[in-house]
Structures are given as C-alpha cells and as structure tokens.
Amino acid sequence: MKEFIEQLVQAVVDMPEQVQVDEVPSEVATTYRVYVAPEDLGKAIGKQGRIANAMRVLAKASAMKEKKKVYLEVVAAPPA
C-alpha cells in the first residue's frame, strides 16, 4: 500500500524524488503521511482538495480488498 500511494503522488508532483510516505499503524486504521516539497503542496492537494480526495478514494478502495481502514494526509515539508 505504501508503494502504491508513493507512486500515485509522484505522478502528480513536479519533484517526485522528494516524495516520502510514512506509515503510522494504529488499532483502528493505518495513517499514511505523504510529505512533498513545499512547492508541490498545491499540486498534491489540488483545487478545493480534489486531487487529495481522489488519492484518498483510491487508497481506501485498495484497502477495502484487505478489509482495512486507511487515512491519507498530505504534508508540506519532508521530515529532516
């Protein structure tokens, strides 16, 4: 799932080499934090959040096969 989300985001942004995905598991669901370059934040989110919402829909649909819950967060700067 992590690789799928990473490829999805890399296809949208201008600087795909700076995309990082962190997986934060919990009892209820797994949260994926997507870090992009600050210049790419607008592209990763899209107008009115449409790109981010589309990525969330794809991630949730993919997770439904395994009967899991996932959340997707898009964050501006990669961790240092």
PDB file of N, CA and C in Angstrom:
ATOM      1  N   MET A   1       0.826  -1.196   0.000  1.00  0.00           N
ATOM      2  CA  MET A   1       0.000   0.000   0.000  1.00  0.00           C
ATOM      3  C   MET A   1       0.868   1.257   0.000  1.00  0.00           C
ATOM      4  N   LYS A   2       1.931   1.243   0.789  1.00  0.00           N
ATOM      5  CA  LYS A   2       2.816   2.403   0.879  1.00  0.00           C
ATOM      6  C   LYS A   2       3.419   2.739  -0.492  1.00  0.00           C
ATOM      7  N   GLU A   3       3.849   1.718  -1.220  1.00  0.00           N
ATOM      8  CA  GLU A   3       4.439   1.933  -2.535  1.00  0.00           C
ATOM      9  C   GLU A   3       3.399   2.456  -3.517  1.00  0.00           C
ATOM     10  N   PHE A   4       2.177   1.947  -3.414  1.00  0.00           N
ATOM     11  CA  PHE A   4       1.087   2.396  -4.273  1.00  0.00           C
ATOM     12  C   PHE A   4       0.821   3.889  -4.091  1.00  0.00           C
ATOM     13  N   ILE A   5       0.743   4.327  -2.835  1.00  0.00           N
ATOM     14  CA  ILE A   5       0.488   5.737  -2.535  1.00  0.00           C
ATOM     15  C   ILE A   5       1.652   6.597  -3.015  1.00  0.00           C
ATOM     16  N   GLU A   6       2.869   6.103  -2.810  1.00  0.00           N
ATOM     17  CA  GLU A   6       4.046   6.850  -3.243  1.00  0.00           C
ATOM     18  C   GLU A   6       4.044   7.060  -4.761  1.00  0.00           C
ATOM     19  N   GLN A   7       3.735   6.027  -5.517  1.00  0.00           N
ATOM     20  CA  GLN A   7       3.675   6.147  -6.979  1.00  0.00           C
ATOM     21  C   GLN A   7       2.553   7.078  -7.413  1.00  0.00           C
ATOM     22  N   LEU A   8       1.447   7.026  -6.716  1.00  0.00           N
ATOM     23  CA  LEU A   8       0.310   7.886  -7.021  1.00  0.00           C
ATOM     24  C   LEU A   8       0.680   9.360  -6.879  1.00  0.00           C
ATOM     25  N   VAL A   9       1.336   9.692  -5.778  1.00  0.00           N
ATOM     26  CA  VAL A   9       1.710  11.084  -5.525  1.00  0.00           C
ATOM     27  C   VAL A   9       2.828  11.528  -6.471  1.00  0.00           C
ATOM     28  N   GLN A  10       3.786  10.656  -6.736  1.00  0.00           N
ATOM     29  CA  GLN A  10       4.883  11.008  -7.625  1.00  0.00           C
ATOM     30  C   GLN A  10       4.398  11.341  -9.026  1.00  0.00           C
ATOM     31  N   ALA A  11       3.298  10.753  -9.445  1.00  0.00           N
ATOM     32  CA  ALA A  11       2.755  11.025 -10.774  1.00  0.00           C
ATOM     33  C   ALA A  11       2.151  12.429 -10.861  1.00  0.00           C
ATOM     34  N   VAL A  12       1.816  13.024  -9.734  1.00  0.00           N
ATOM     35  CA  VAL A  12       1.127  14.315  -9.717  1.00  0.00           C
ATOM     36  C   VAL A  12       2.088  15.496  -9.552  1.00  0.00           C
ATOM     37  N   VAL A  13       3.169  15.325  -8.802  1.00  0.00           N
ATOM     38  CA  VAL A  13       4.032  16.447  -8.434  1.00  0.00           C
ATOM     39  C   VAL A  13       5.161  16.685  -9.446  1.00  0.00           C
ATOM     40  N   ASP A  14       5.805  17.865  -9.325  1.00  0.00           N
ATOM     41  CA  ASP A  14       6.929  18.218 -10.201  1.00  0.00           C
ATOM     42  C   ASP A  14       8.247  17.611  -9.728  1.00  0.00           C
ATOM     43  N   MET A  15       8.392  17.423  -8.419  1.00  0.00           N
ATOM     44  CA  MET A  15       9.623  16.880  -7.850  1.00  0.00           C
ATOM     45  C   MET A  15       9.342  15.530  -7.184  1.00  0.00           C
ATOM     46  N   PRO A  16       9.205  14.470  -7.984  1.00  0.00           N
ATOM     47  CA  PRO A  16       8.841  13.167  -7.415  1.00  0.00           C
ATOM     48  C   PRO A  16       9.915  12.573  -6.508  1.00  0.00           C
ATOM     49  N   GLU A  17      11.163  13.005  -6.669  1.00  0.00           N
ATOM     50  CA  GLU A  17      12.232  12.461  -5.826  1.00  0.00           C
ATOM     51  C   GLU A  17      12.120  12.921  -4.381  1.00  0.00           C
ATOM     52  N   GLN A  18      11.353  13.974  -4.113  1.00  0.00           N
ATOM     53  CA  GLN A  18      11.202  14.476  -2.743  1.00  0.00           C
ATOM     54  C   GLN A  18       9.962  13.937  -2.038  1.00  0.00           C
ATOM     55  N   VAL A  19       9.236  13.062  -2.681  1.00  0.00           N
ATOM     56  CA  VAL A  19       8.038  12.481  -2.065  1.00  0.00           C
ATOM     57  C   VAL A  19       8.453  11.403  -1.068  1.00  0.00           C
ATOM     58  N   GLN A  20       7.912  11.505   0.135  1.00  0.00           N
ATOM     59  CA  GLN A  20       8.145  10.497   1.169  1.00  0.00           C
ATOM     60  C   GLN A  20       6.797  10.100   1.766  1.00  0.00           C
ATOM     61  N   VAL A  21       6.649   8.825   2.074  1.00  0.00           N
ATOM     62  CA  VAL A  21       5.411   8.333   2.678  1.00  0.00           C
ATOM     63  C   VAL A  21       5.768   7.621   3.977  1.00  0.00           C
ATOM     64  N   ASP A  22       5.165   8.073   5.064  1.00  0.00           N
ATOM     65  CA  ASP A  22       5.343   7.418   6.368  1.00  0.00           C
ATOM     66  C   ASP A  22       4.073   6.668   6.712  1.00  0.00           C
ATOM     67  N   GLU A  23       4.235   5.466   7.232  1.00  0.00           N
ATOM     68  CA  GLU A  23       3.113   4.620   7.624  1.00  0.00           C
ATOM     69  C   GLU A  23       2.992   4.651   9.143  1.00  0.00           C
ATOM     70  N   VAL A  24       1.823   5.054   9.647  1.00  0.00           N
ATOM     71  CA  VAL A  24       1.591   5.132  11.082  1.00  0.00           C
ATOM     72  C   VAL A  24       0.437   4.187  11.427  1.00  0.00           C
ATOM     73  N   PRO A  25       0.755   2.951  11.833  1.00  0.00           N
ATOM     74  CA  PRO A  25      -0.318   1.999  12.154  1.00  0.00           C
ATOM     75  C   PRO A  25      -0.946   2.288  13.519  1.00  0.00           C
ATOM     76  N   SER A  26      -2.212   1.962  13.639  1.00  0.00           N
ATOM     77  CA  SER A  26      -2.908   2.045  14.922  1.00  0.00           C
ATOM     78  C   SER A  26      -3.889   0.875  14.989  1.00  0.00           C
ATOM     79  N   GLU A  27      -4.621   0.778  16.084  1.00  0.00           N
ATOM     80  CA  GLU A  27      -5.554  -0.332  16.255  1.00  0.00           C
ATOM     81  C   GLU A  27      -6.708  -0.257  15.261  1.00  0.00           C
ATOM     82  N   VAL A  28      -7.190   0.934  14.994  1.00  0.00           N
ATOM     83  CA  VAL A  28      -8.370   1.118  14.157  1.00  0.00           C
ATOM     84  C   VAL A  28      -8.019   1.194  12.670  1.00  0.00           C
ATOM     85  N   ALA A  29      -6.995   1.984  12.331  1.00  0.00           N
ATOM     86  CA  ALA A  29      -6.670   2.209  10.927  1.00  0.00           C
ATOM     87  C   ALA A  29      -5.187   2.539  10.778  1.00  0.00           C
ATOM     88  N   THR A  30      -4.730   2.550   9.552  1.00  0.00           N
ATOM     89  CA  THR A  30      -3.357   2.943   9.246  1.00  0.00           C
ATOM     90  C   THR A  30      -3.392   4.307   8.585  1.00  0.00           C
ATOM     91  N   THR A  31      -2.562   5.225   9.094  1.00  0.00           N
ATOM     92  CA  THR A  31      -2.480   6.564   8.523  1.00  0.00           C
ATOM     93  C   THR A  31      -1.207   6.665   7.701  1.00  0.00           C
ATOM     94  N   TYR A  32      -1.348   7.165   6.495  1.00  0.00           N
ATOM     95  CA  TYR A  32      -0.203   7.387   5.620  1.00  0.00           C
ATOM     96  C   TYR A  32       0.013   8.885   5.503  1.00  0.00           C
ATOM     97  N   ARG A  33       1.186   9.347   5.965  1.00  0.00           N
ATOM     98  CA  ARG A  33       1.536  10.764   5.845  1.00  0.00           C
ATOM     99  C   ARG A  33       2.405  10.930   4.613  1.00  0.00           C
ATOM    100  N   VAL A  34       1.955  11.749   3.697  1.00  0.00           N
ATOM    101  CA  VAL A  34       2.671  11.980   2.452  1.00  0.00           C
ATOM    102  C   VAL A  34       3.365  13.330   2.553  1.00  0.00           C
ATOM    103  N   TYR A  35       4.703  13.301   2.486  1.00  0.00           N
ATOM    104  CA  TYR A  35       5.492  14.526   2.535  1.00  0.00           C
ATOM    105  C   TYR A  35       5.915  14.895   1.125  1.00  0.00           C
ATOM    106  N   VAL A  36       5.616  16.139   0.726  1.00  0.00           N
ATOM    107  CA  VAL A  36       6.004  16.632  -0.587  1.00  0.00           C
ATOM    108  C   VAL A  36       6.778  17.937  -0.411  1.00  0.00           C
ATOM    109  N   ALA A  37       7.494  18.353  -1.464  1.00  0.00           N
ATOM    110  CA  ALA A  37       8.206  19.630  -1.433  1.00  0.00           C
ATOM    111  C   ALA A  37       7.178  20.749  -1.258  1.00  0.00           C
ATOM    112  N   PRO A  38       7.545  21.809  -0.539  1.00  0.00           N
ATOM    113  CA  PRO A  38       6.585  22.911  -0.325  1.00  0.00           C
ATOM    114  C   PRO A  38       6.028  23.477  -1.630  1.00  0.00           C
ATOM    115  N   GLU A  39       6.839  23.473  -2.683  1.00  0.00           N
ATOM    116  CA  GLU A  39       6.375  24.000  -3.973  1.00  0.00           C
ATOM    117  C   GLU A  39       5.310  23.087  -4.598  1.00  0.00           C
ATOM    118  N   ASP A  40       5.317  21.816  -4.234  1.00  0.00           N
ATOM    119  CA  ASP A  40       4.391  20.837  -4.814  1.00  0.00           C
ATOM    120  C   ASP A  40       3.127  20.636  -3.980  1.00  0.00           C
ATOM    121  N   LEU A  41       3.028  21.318  -2.865  1.00  0.00           N
ATOM    122  CA  LEU A  41       1.885  21.097  -1.979  1.00  0.00           C
ATOM    123  C   LEU A  41       0.568  21.396  -2.692  1.00  0.00           C
ATOM    124  N   GLY A  42       0.518  22.478  -3.441  1.00  0.00           N
ATOM    125  CA  GLY A  42      -0.696  22.842  -4.163  1.00  0.00           C
ATOM    126  C   GLY A  42      -1.084  21.798  -5.197  1.00  0.00           C
ATOM    127  N   LYS A  43      -0.088  21.230  -5.874  1.00  0.00           N
ATOM    128  CA  LYS A  43      -0.371  20.208  -6.877  1.00  0.00           C
ATOM    129  C   LYS A  43      -0.858  18.923  -6.223  1.00  0.00           C
ATOM    130  N   ALA A  44      -0.291  18.577  -5.073  1.00  0.00           N
ATOM    131  CA  ALA A  44      -0.676  17.343  -4.391  1.00  0.00           C
ATOM    132  C   ALA A  44      -2.082  17.444  -3.803  1.00  0.00           C
ATOM    133  N   ILE A  45      -2.487  18.655  -3.429  1.00  0.00           N
ATOM    134  CA  ILE A  45      -3.816  18.835  -2.853  1.00  0.00           C
ATOM    135  C   ILE A  45      -4.841  19.122  -3.951  1.00  0.00           C
ATOM    136  N   GLY A  46      -4.481  19.965  -4.904  1.00  0.00           N
ATOM    137  CA  GLY A  46      -5.396  20.296  -5.999  1.00  0.00           C
ATOM    138  C   GLY A  46      -6.403  21.353  -5.612  1.00  0.00           C
ATOM    139  N   LYS A  47      -7.123  21.857  -6.596  1.00  0.00           N
ATOM    140  CA  LYS A  47      -8.137  22.871  -6.341  1.00  0.00           C
ATOM    141  C   LYS A  47      -9.246  22.273  -5.489  1.00  0.00           C
ATOM    142  N   GLN A  48      -9.540  22.959  -4.407  1.00  0.00           N
ATOM    143  CA  GLN A  48     -10.564  22.541  -3.448  1.00  0.00           C
ATOM    144  C   GLN A  48     -10.329  21.127  -2.934  1.00  0.00           C
ATOM    145  N   GLY A  49      -9.069  20.680  -2.950  1.00  0.00           N
ATOM    146  CA  GLY A  49      -8.715  19.377  -2.395  1.00  0.00           C
ATOM    147  C   GLY A  49      -9.105  18.194  -3.253  1.00  0.00           C
ATOM    148  N   ARG A  50      -9.379  18.434  -4.524  1.00  0.00           N
ATOM    149  CA  ARG A  50      -9.876  17.352  -5.376  1.00  0.00           C
ATOM    150  C   ARG A  50      -8.838  16.266  -5.637  1.00  0.00           C
ATOM    151  N   ILE A  51      -7.581  16.646  -5.844  1.00  0.00           N
ATOM    152  CA  ILE A  51      -6.533  15.642  -6.094  1.00  0.00           C
ATOM    153  C   ILE A  51      -6.325  14.801  -4.835  1.00  0.00           C
ATOM    154  N   ALA A  52      -6.210  15.459  -3.678  1.00  0.00           N
ATOM    155  CA  ALA A  52      -6.019  14.730  -2.421  1.00  0.00           C
ATOM    156  C   ALA A  52      -7.198  13.796  -2.147  1.00  0.00           C
ATOM    157  N   ASN A  53      -8.400  14.273  -2.398  1.00  0.00           N
ATOM    158  CA  ASN A  53      -9.576  13.428  -2.179  1.00  0.00           C
ATOM    159  C   ASN A  53      -9.585  12.233  -3.131  1.00  0.00           C
ATOM    160  N   ALA A  54      -9.174  12.455  -4.372  1.00  0.00           N
ATOM    161  CA  ALA A  54      -9.114  11.348  -5.327  1.00  0.00           C
ATOM    162  C   ALA A  54      -8.095  10.304  -4.871  1.00  0.00           C
ATOM    163  N   MET A  55      -6.942  10.766  -4.358  1.00  0.00           N
ATOM    164  CA  MET A  55      -5.928   9.828  -3.852  1.00  0.00           C
ATOM    165  C   MET A  55      -6.461   9.064  -2.642  1.00  0.00           C
ATOM    166  N   ARG A  56      -7.225   9.743  -1.794  1.00  0.00           N
ATOM    167  CA  ARG A  56      -7.831   9.078  -0.631  1.00  0.00           C
ATOM    168  C   ARG A  56      -8.812   7.991  -1.075  1.00  0.00           C
ATOM    169  N   VAL A  57      -9.620   8.298  -2.080  1.00  0.00           N
ATOM    170  CA  VAL A  57     -10.595   7.328  -2.581  1.00  0.00           C
ATOM    171  C   VAL A  57      -9.881   6.097  -3.118  1.00  0.00           C
ATOM    172  N   LEU A  58      -8.819   6.300  -3.902  1.00  0.00           N
ATOM    173  CA  LEU A  58      -8.067   5.169  -4.452  1.00  0.00           C
ATOM    174  C   LEU A  58      -7.418   4.338  -3.348  1.00  0.00           C
ATOM    175  N   ALA A  59      -6.850   5.018  -2.344  1.00  0.00           N
ATOM    176  CA  ALA A  59      -6.208   4.298  -1.245  1.00  0.00           C
ATOM    177  C   ALA A  59      -7.238   3.499  -0.446  1.00  0.00           C
ATOM    178  N   LYS A  60      -8.383   4.101  -0.175  1.00  0.00           N
ATOM    179  CA  LYS A  60      -9.423   3.400   0.585  1.00  0.00           C
ATOM    180  C   LYS A  60      -9.993   2.228  -0.198  1.00  0.00           C
ATOM    181  N   ALA A  61     -10.173   2.413  -1.510  1.00  0.00           N
ATOM    182  CA  ALA A  61     -10.688   1.327  -2.331  1.00  0.00           C
ATOM    183  C   ALA A  61      -9.707   0.168  -2.379  1.00  0.00           C
ATOM    184  N   SER A  62      -8.426   0.485  -2.447  1.00  0.00           N
ATOM    185  CA  SER A  62      -7.404  -0.555  -2.458  1.00  0.00           C
ATOM    186  C   SER A  62      -7.354  -1.283  -1.118  1.00  0.00           C
ATOM    187  N   ALA A  63      -7.559  -0.556  -0.031  1.00  0.00           N
ATOM    188  CA  ALA A  63      -7.520  -1.162   1.304  1.00  0.00           C
ATOM    189  C   ALA A  63      -8.762  -2.004   1.584  1.00  0.00           C
ATOM    190  N   MET A  64      -9.860  -1.710   0.905  1.00  0.00           N
ATOM    191  CA  MET A  64     -11.096  -2.463   1.118  1.00  0.00           C
ATOM    192  C   MET A  64     -10.920  -3.935   0.758  1.00  0.00           C
ATOM    193  N   LYS A  65     -10.056  -4.229  -0.192  1.00  0.00           N
ATOM    194  CA  LYS A  65      -9.797  -5.614  -0.578  1.00  0.00           C
ATOM    195  C   LYS A  65      -9.289  -6.429   0.607  1.00  0.00           C
ATOM    196  N   GLU A  66      -8.496  -5.764   1.460  1.00  0.00           N
ATOM    197  CA  GLU A  66      -7.919  -6.433   2.629  1.00  0.00           C
ATOM    198  C   GLU A  66      -8.724  -6.162   3.895  1.00  0.00           C
ATOM    199  N   LYS A  67      -9.886  -5.522   3.740  1.00  0.00           N
ATOM    200  CA  LYS A  67     -10.756  -5.177   4.867  1.00  0.00           C
ATOM    201  C   LYS A  67     -10.018  -4.351   5.917  1.00  0.00           C
ATOM    202  N   LYS A  68      -9.317  -3.327   5.452  1.00  0.00           N
ATOM    203  CA  LYS A  68      -8.580  -2.431   6.344  1.00  0.00           C
ATOM    204  C   LYS A  68      -9.046  -1.003   6.129  1.00  0.00           C
ATOM    205  N   LYS A  69      -8.800  -0.158   7.122  1.00  0.00           N
ATOM    206  CA  LYS A  69      -9.107   1.258   7.017  1.00  0.00           C
ATOM    207  C   LYS A  69      -7.801   2.026   6.850  1.00  0.00           C
ATOM    208  N   VAL A  70      -7.807   3.000   5.969  1.00  0.00           N
ATOM    209  CA  VAL A  70      -6.626   3.834   5.785  1.00  0.00           C
ATOM    210  C   VAL A  70      -7.036   5.303   5.745  1.00  0.00           C
ATOM    211  N   TYR A  71      -6.104   6.143   6.176  1.00  0.00           N
ATOM    212  CA  TYR A  71      -6.253   7.585   6.094  1.00  0.00           C
ATOM    213  C   TYR A  71      -5.033   8.130   5.374  1.00  0.00           C
ATOM    214  N   LEU A  72      -5.210   9.223   4.652  1.00  0.00           N
ATOM    215  CA  LEU A  72      -4.129   9.822   3.879  1.00  0.00           C
ATOM    216  C   LEU A  72      -4.026  11.301   4.238  1.00  0.00           C
ATOM    217  N   GLU A  73      -2.837  11.728   4.654  1.00  0.00           N
ATOM    218  CA  GLU A  73      -2.582  13.130   4.979  1.00  0.00           C
ATOM    219  C   GLU A  73      -1.486  13.648   4.061  1.00  0.00           C
ATOM    220  N   VAL A  74      -1.672  14.809   3.494  1.00  0.00           N
ATOM    221  CA  VAL A  74      -0.642  15.431   2.659  1.00  0.00           C
ATOM    222  C   VAL A  74      -0.020  16.551   3.471  1.00  0.00           C
ATOM    223  N   VAL A  75       1.323  16.488   3.648  1.00  0.00           N
ATOM    224  CA  VAL A  75       2.053  17.428   4.492  1.00  0.00           C
ATOM    225  C   VAL A  75       3.091  18.150   3.640  1.00  0.00           C
ATOM    226  N   ALA A  76       3.340  19.430   3.952  1.00  0.00           N
ATOM    227  CA  ALA A  76       4.184  20.282   3.113  1.00  0.00           C
ATOM    228  C   ALA A  76       5.636  19.873   3.049  1.00  0.00           C
ATOM    229  N   ALA A  77       6.339  19.837   4.134  1.00  0.00           N
ATOM    230  CA  ALA A  77       7.788  19.645   4.075  1.00  0.00           C
ATOM    231  C   ALA A  77       8.184  18.255   4.538  1.00  0.00           C
ATOM    232  N   PRO A  78       9.156  17.644   3.875  1.00  0.00           N
ATOM    233  CA  PRO A  78       9.626  16.330   4.329  1.00  0.00           C
ATOM    234  C   PRO A  78      10.325  16.453   5.686  1.00  0.00           C
ATOM    235  N   PRO A  79      10.290  15.388   6.482  1.00  0.00           N
ATOM    236  CA  PRO A  79      10.954  15.442   7.795  1.00  0.00           C
ATOM    237  C   PRO A  79      12.463  15.552   7.627  1.00  0.00           C
ATOM    238  N   ALA A  80      13.080  16.265   8.538  1.00  0.00           N
ATOM    239  CA  ALA A  80      14.527  16.486   8.461  1.00  0.00           C
ATOM    240  C   ALA A  80      15.319  15.284   8.893  1.00  0.00           C
TER     241      ALA A  80
END
